[in-house]
Amino acid sequence: MLRSAARCLSVCAAHADLTPAIVGSAFSDLERCLLRRNAHQQSGSDASEAAGPGPGSEAEETFLQLYRRHNSSLKHLKGQVIGARVFKTDRRFVYLDTGFNKHVKYAKKELHLSQLVSSSDGGLRTSPDDFRLGDVLQFIIEELETPYGDMQLAVERPIEKDKVAGVWEMVKEAMHTNQPVMGRVLNAVNGGYSVGVAGIVTFCPFSQMSFLTASKVGMLQPFLVTNMNEAKRNIVLQDATVLRRRRGPREDLIRDQGRPARSDAD
């Protein structure tokens, strides 16, 4: 499994147009393999020592190098706002998926609906702790990994209404004028990535983001606004580099051919 995941990531590193979902699957395979290997090492397993480096050692080393490179980019996320999706609730707790193969649990009384950035159904809430499956809540990353292996999140303070209104107007103007906005890739969610834009968590589908952009976690990058829904508080983005790559030189040539020819006198 480790050699298979290594080959997958090596290909992804060479071909940035592959979907980030493939890379995420490879990272999941790596985590499971590393956990098993560490368990064998700690228990002093003779079988592990007898196996030796084996024919897959080169692939394993390549994969570990890519994994370290991936982890080094995560340091930019400390202190950043991310979106976590609710995948389970009970009478007292809300269980959230952070998109980093880590789940967190919060007591409902510790959360508030002002953290809601994406509603699962757009319906009215009957109480302050009426969190539903599929809701996306905002948090601040305090620690990427505690000594216990958990991610430590902090409940974000509500953004002032005036600031929210100003950001929405800025994003709306950018959509109408087809101008890019600057955002940071935060974490993977169902179907895409959360992207932070001026303190607001937005969404970019997997199909609309290149692998290169997705790998630059926590860094400011340009995005285009493709859709907004103020009622559901949803903003959908597209990686600006994806549009440029799809358009390519052919469209530039067609656009140039449509311009009137310049005479020598001009």
Protein backbone atom coordinates (compact mmCIF):
# COMPACT_ATOMS: atom_id res chain seq x y z
CA MET A 1 0.00 0.00 0.00
CA LEU A 2 2.87 2.35 0.83
CA ARG A 3 4.53 1.82 -2.54
CA SER A 4 1.20 2.38 -4.29
CA ALA A 5 0.64 5.64 -2.42
CA ALA A 6 4.19 6.72 -3.19
CA ARG A 7 3.68 6.22 -6.90
CA CYS A 8 0.41 8.15 -6.71
CA LEU A 9 1.99 11.17 -5.05
CA SER A 10 5.01 11.10 -7.35
CA VAL A 11 2.70 11.32 -10.36
CA CYS A 12 0.70 14.12 -8.73
CA ALA A 13 3.86 16.09 -8.08
CA ALA A 14 4.82 15.84 -11.75
CA HIS A 15 1.32 16.50 -13.14
CA ALA A 16 -0.38 19.35 -11.27
CA ASP A 17 -3.63 18.94 -13.19
CA LEU A 18 -4.63 15.78 -11.31
CA THR A 19 -7.44 16.12 -8.78
CA PRO A 20 -6.54 16.85 -5.14
CA ALA A 21 -8.86 14.00 -4.13
CA ILE A 22 -6.25 11.52 -5.42
CA VAL A 23 -3.59 13.14 -3.28
CA GLY A 24 -5.85 13.12 -0.24
CA SER A 25 -6.42 9.40 -0.68
CA ALA A 26 -2.67 8.82 -0.91
CA PHE A 27 -2.04 10.78 2.27
CA SER A 28 -4.68 8.69 4.05
CA ASP A 29 -2.91 5.52 2.92
CA LEU A 30 0.37 6.91 4.21
CA GLU A 31 -1.02 7.76 7.62
CA ARG A 32 -2.39 4.25 8.10
CA CYS A 33 0.90 2.70 6.98
CA LEU A 34 3.01 4.93 9.21
CA LEU A 35 0.83 4.17 12.23
CA ARG A 36 1.23 0.43 11.66
CA ARG A 37 4.96 0.76 11.12
CA ASN A 38 5.44 2.83 14.27
CA ALA A 39 3.43 0.30 16.26
CA HIS A 40 5.73 -2.48 15.05
CA GLN A 41 8.83 -0.48 15.90
CA GLN A 42 7.63 0.33 19.41
CA SER A 43 6.77 -3.27 20.16
CA GLY A 44 10.16 -4.43 18.88
CA SER A 45 8.63 -6.69 16.27
CA ASP A 46 11.22 -9.15 14.97
CA ALA A 47 9.27 -9.54 11.76
CA SER A 48 9.66 -5.86 10.93
CA GLU A 49 13.41 -5.96 11.54
CA ALA A 50 13.84 -9.16 9.52
CA ALA A 51 12.02 -7.66 6.58
CA GLY A 52 14.81 -5.09 6.03
CA PRO A 53 14.53 -2.14 3.69
CA GLY A 54 13.06 -4.27 0.90
CA PRO A 55 12.51 -3.35 -2.76
CA GLY A 56 10.04 -0.55 -1.86
CA SER A 57 12.50 1.50 0.22
CA GLU A 58 13.15 4.02 -2.57
CA ALA A 59 9.43 4.57 -3.15
CA GLU A 60 8.89 4.88 0.60
CA GLU A 61 11.62 7.53 0.86
CA THR A 62 10.11 9.49 -2.05
CA PHE A 63 6.70 9.35 -0.43
CA LEU A 64 8.05 10.46 2.96
CA GLN A 65 9.80 13.43 1.35
CA LEU A 66 6.53 14.51 -0.26
CA TYR A 67 4.69 13.99 3.00
CA ARG A 68 7.18 16.17 4.90
CA ARG A 69 6.84 18.85 2.23
CA HIS A 70 3.07 18.71 2.64
CA ASN A 71 3.30 18.95 6.44
CA SER A 72 5.71 21.90 6.27
CA SER A 73 3.03 23.95 4.52
CA LEU A 74 0.57 23.36 7.36
CA LYS A 75 2.49 25.69 9.70
CA HIS A 76 0.90 28.60 7.80
CA LEU A 77 -2.50 27.49 9.12
CA LYS A 78 -1.87 28.20 12.79
CA GLY A 79 -4.08 31.12 13.76
CA GLN A 80 -6.08 30.89 10.54
CA VAL A 81 -9.85 30.48 10.27
CA ILE A 82 -11.09 27.16 8.87
CA GLY A 83 -14.47 25.62 8.22
CA ALA A 84 -15.42 22.33 9.91
CA ARG A 85 -18.41 20.30 8.72
CA VAL A 86 -20.90 18.74 11.15
CA PHE A 87 -21.16 14.98 10.53
CA LYS A 88 -22.90 13.93 13.75
CA THR A 89 -24.88 15.48 16.60
CA ASP A 90 -26.45 14.19 19.77
CA ARG A 91 -28.19 15.74 22.74
CA ARG A 92 -25.04 17.37 24.15
CA PHE A 93 -22.30 17.33 21.52
CA VAL A 94 -21.51 18.32 17.94
CA TYR A 95 -18.97 16.24 16.01
CA LEU A 96 -17.04 17.98 13.24
CA ASP A 97 -14.78 16.96 10.37
CA THR A 98 -11.88 19.41 9.93
CA GLY A 99 -10.74 18.01 6.58
CA PHE A 100 -7.33 16.97 7.96
CA ASN A 101 -8.32 13.36 8.68
CA LYS A 102 -9.09 14.58 12.20
CA HIS A 103 -12.44 14.87 13.96
CA VAL A 104 -13.20 17.20 16.85
CA LYS A 105 -16.03 17.21 19.38
CA TYR A 106 -17.58 20.27 21.01
CA ALA A 107 -20.30 20.66 23.58
CA LYS A 108 -23.24 22.51 22.04
CA LYS A 109 -23.14 25.11 24.81
CA GLU A 110 -19.60 26.09 23.67
CA LEU A 111 -20.77 26.94 20.15
CA HIS A 112 -23.06 29.57 18.69
CA LEU A 113 -24.92 30.00 15.41
CA SER A 114 -22.85 33.07 14.50
CA GLN A 115 -20.13 30.54 13.58
CA LEU A 116 -22.40 29.15 10.85
CA VAL A 117 -20.90 29.94 7.43
CA SER A 118 -22.76 27.39 5.31
CA SER A 119 -26.20 26.04 6.11
CA SER A 120 -27.09 22.48 5.17
CA ASP A 121 -30.70 23.31 4.29
CA GLY A 122 -31.13 27.08 4.58
CA GLY A 123 -33.98 26.62 7.04
CA LEU A 124 -34.70 28.66 10.16
CA ARG A 125 -33.11 27.46 13.39
CA THR A 126 -35.34 26.72 16.34
CA SER A 127 -32.72 27.31 19.06
CA PRO A 128 -29.18 28.73 19.51
CA ASP A 129 -27.75 25.19 19.50
CA ASP A 130 -29.73 23.91 16.50
CA PHE A 131 -26.79 22.53 14.54
CA ARG A 132 -27.56 20.16 11.67
CA LEU A 133 -25.71 17.58 9.60
CA GLY A 134 -23.77 19.26 6.80
CA ASP A 135 -23.50 22.65 8.52
CA VAL A 136 -20.08 24.30 8.24
CA LEU A 137 -18.85 26.23 11.30
CA GLN A 138 -15.89 28.60 11.58
CA PHE A 139 -13.03 27.94 13.99
CA ILE A 140 -9.51 29.27 14.58
CA ILE A 141 -6.63 26.80 14.56
CA GLU A 142 -4.70 27.07 17.85
CA GLU A 143 -2.59 23.94 17.48
CA LEU A 144 -2.29 21.70 14.44
CA GLU A 145 -1.47 18.72 16.65
CA THR A 146 -1.41 18.38 20.41
CA PRO A 147 0.76 15.80 22.23
CA TYR A 148 -2.31 13.54 22.07
CA GLY A 149 -2.48 13.81 18.27
CA ASP A 150 -5.60 15.99 18.23
CA MET A 151 -6.17 19.30 16.48
CA GLN A 152 -6.94 22.14 18.90
CA LEU A 153 -9.50 24.67 17.67
CA ALA A 154 -10.81 27.86 19.21
CA VAL A 155 -14.31 29.22 18.78
CA GLU A 156 -14.05 32.29 16.60
CA ARG A 157 -15.53 35.48 17.89
CA PRO A 158 -18.42 36.77 15.77
CA ILE A 159 -17.33 39.15 13.01
CA GLU A 160 -18.83 42.61 13.31
CA LYS A 161 -21.85 43.07 11.09
CA ASP A 162 -20.38 46.16 9.44
CA LYS A 163 -17.25 44.26 8.50
CA VAL A 164 -19.25 41.33 7.12
CA ALA A 165 -21.37 43.68 5.03
CA GLY A 166 -18.25 45.39 3.69
CA VAL A 167 -16.63 42.09 2.72
CA TRP A 168 -19.81 40.93 0.97
CA GLU A 169 -19.94 44.16 -1.04
CA MET A 170 -16.29 43.78 -1.98
CA VAL A 171 -16.81 40.18 -3.11
CA LYS A 172 -19.99 41.09 -5.01
CA GLU A 173 -18.17 43.88 -6.86
CA ALA A 174 -15.34 41.48 -7.74
CA MET A 175 -17.86 38.98 -9.16
CA HIS A 176 -19.59 41.60 -11.33
CA THR A 177 -16.31 43.01 -12.67
CA ASN A 178 -14.64 39.59 -13.01
CA GLN A 179 -11.76 40.74 -10.81
CA PRO A 180 -9.85 38.29 -8.59
CA VAL A 181 -10.04 38.28 -4.81
CA MET A 182 -7.19 37.12 -2.59
CA GLY A 183 -7.83 34.11 -0.39
CA ARG A 184 -6.10 31.35 1.55
CA VAL A 185 -6.73 27.62 1.09
CA LEU A 186 -7.71 26.42 4.56
CA ASN A 187 -8.79 22.79 4.53
CA ALA A 188 -10.55 20.11 2.52
CA VAL A 189 -14.31 19.74 2.93
CA ASN A 190 -16.92 17.65 1.18
CA GLY A 191 -16.51 18.24 -2.56
CA GLY A 192 -13.80 20.88 -2.40
CA TYR A 193 -11.84 23.27 -0.20
CA SER A 194 -12.63 25.99 2.29
CA VAL A 195 -10.97 29.26 1.28
CA GLY A 196 -10.66 32.22 3.65
CA VAL A 197 -11.36 35.63 2.10
CA ALA A 198 -11.07 38.65 4.41
CA GLY A 199 -12.25 36.66 7.44
CA ILE A 200 -15.11 34.88 5.64
CA VAL A 201 -14.95 31.18 4.77
CA THR A 202 -15.86 30.48 1.14
CA PHE A 203 -15.92 27.31 -0.98
CA CYS A 204 -13.98 26.19 -4.06
CA PRO A 205 -14.88 22.83 -5.71
CA PHE A 206 -12.16 20.27 -6.39
CA SER A 207 -12.77 20.64 -10.14
CA GLN A 208 -12.12 24.39 -9.96
CA MET A 209 -8.77 24.27 -8.15
CA SER A 210 -5.39 23.12 -9.42
CA PHE A 211 -3.21 20.78 -7.40
CA LEU A 212 -0.51 23.47 -7.19
CA THR A 213 -2.90 26.00 -5.64
CA ALA A 214 -4.34 23.40 -3.26
CA SER A 215 -0.84 22.51 -2.06
CA LYS A 216 -0.09 26.11 -1.00
CA VAL A 217 -2.11 25.85 2.18
CA GLY A 218 -2.47 29.10 4.13
CA MET A 219 -0.85 31.30 1.46
CA LEU A 220 -2.58 34.25 -0.24
CA GLN A 221 -3.60 33.35 -3.82
CA PRO A 222 -5.99 34.82 -6.45
CA PHE A 223 -9.50 33.43 -6.94
CA LEU A 224 -12.47 34.41 -9.07
CA VAL A 225 -15.99 34.61 -7.62
CA THR A 226 -18.41 32.43 -9.60
CA ASN A 227 -21.52 32.46 -7.40
CA MET A 228 -22.97 34.13 -4.29
CA ASN A 229 -26.04 33.35 -2.22
CA GLU A 230 -26.56 35.85 0.58
CA ALA A 231 -29.59 34.02 1.97
CA LYS A 232 -27.54 30.85 2.56
CA ARG A 233 -24.31 32.82 3.18
CA ASN A 234 -22.51 30.88 0.46
CA ILE A 235 -19.71 32.15 -1.78
CA VAL A 236 -18.27 29.88 -4.49
CA LEU A 237 -14.83 30.54 -5.96
CA GLN A 238 -12.71 29.36 -8.85
CA ASP A 239 -8.93 29.14 -8.86
CA ALA A 240 -7.77 31.97 -11.15
CA THR A 241 -4.92 29.82 -12.50
CA VAL A 242 -7.39 27.15 -13.63
CA LEU A 243 -9.21 29.67 -15.83
CA ARG A 244 -5.97 30.89 -17.38
CA ARG A 245 -4.83 27.34 -18.12
CA ARG A 246 -8.17 26.37 -19.68
CA ARG A 247 -8.28 29.51 -21.81
CA GLY A 248 -4.74 29.13 -23.05
CA PRO A 249 -3.18 30.69 -26.14
CA ARG A 250 -5.98 29.58 -28.50
CA GLU A 251 -8.55 31.90 -26.92
CA ASP A 252 -6.04 34.73 -26.85
CA LEU A 253 -5.46 34.19 -30.57
CA ILE A 254 -9.20 34.22 -31.30
CA ARG A 255 -9.60 37.40 -29.28
CA ASP A 256 -6.73 39.04 -31.17
CA GLN A 257 -8.23 37.97 -34.53
CA GLY A 258 -11.46 39.75 -33.62
CA ARG A 259 -9.72 43.07 -33.29
CA PRO A 260 -9.61 45.38 -36.33
CA ALA A 261 -6.38 45.19 -38.28
CA ARG A 262 -4.00 48.07 -37.89
CA SER A 263 -2.86 49.81 -41.08
CA ASP A 264 0.73 50.75 -41.76
CA ALA A 265 -0.34 54.37 -41.53
CA ASP A 266 -1.33 53.81 -37.91
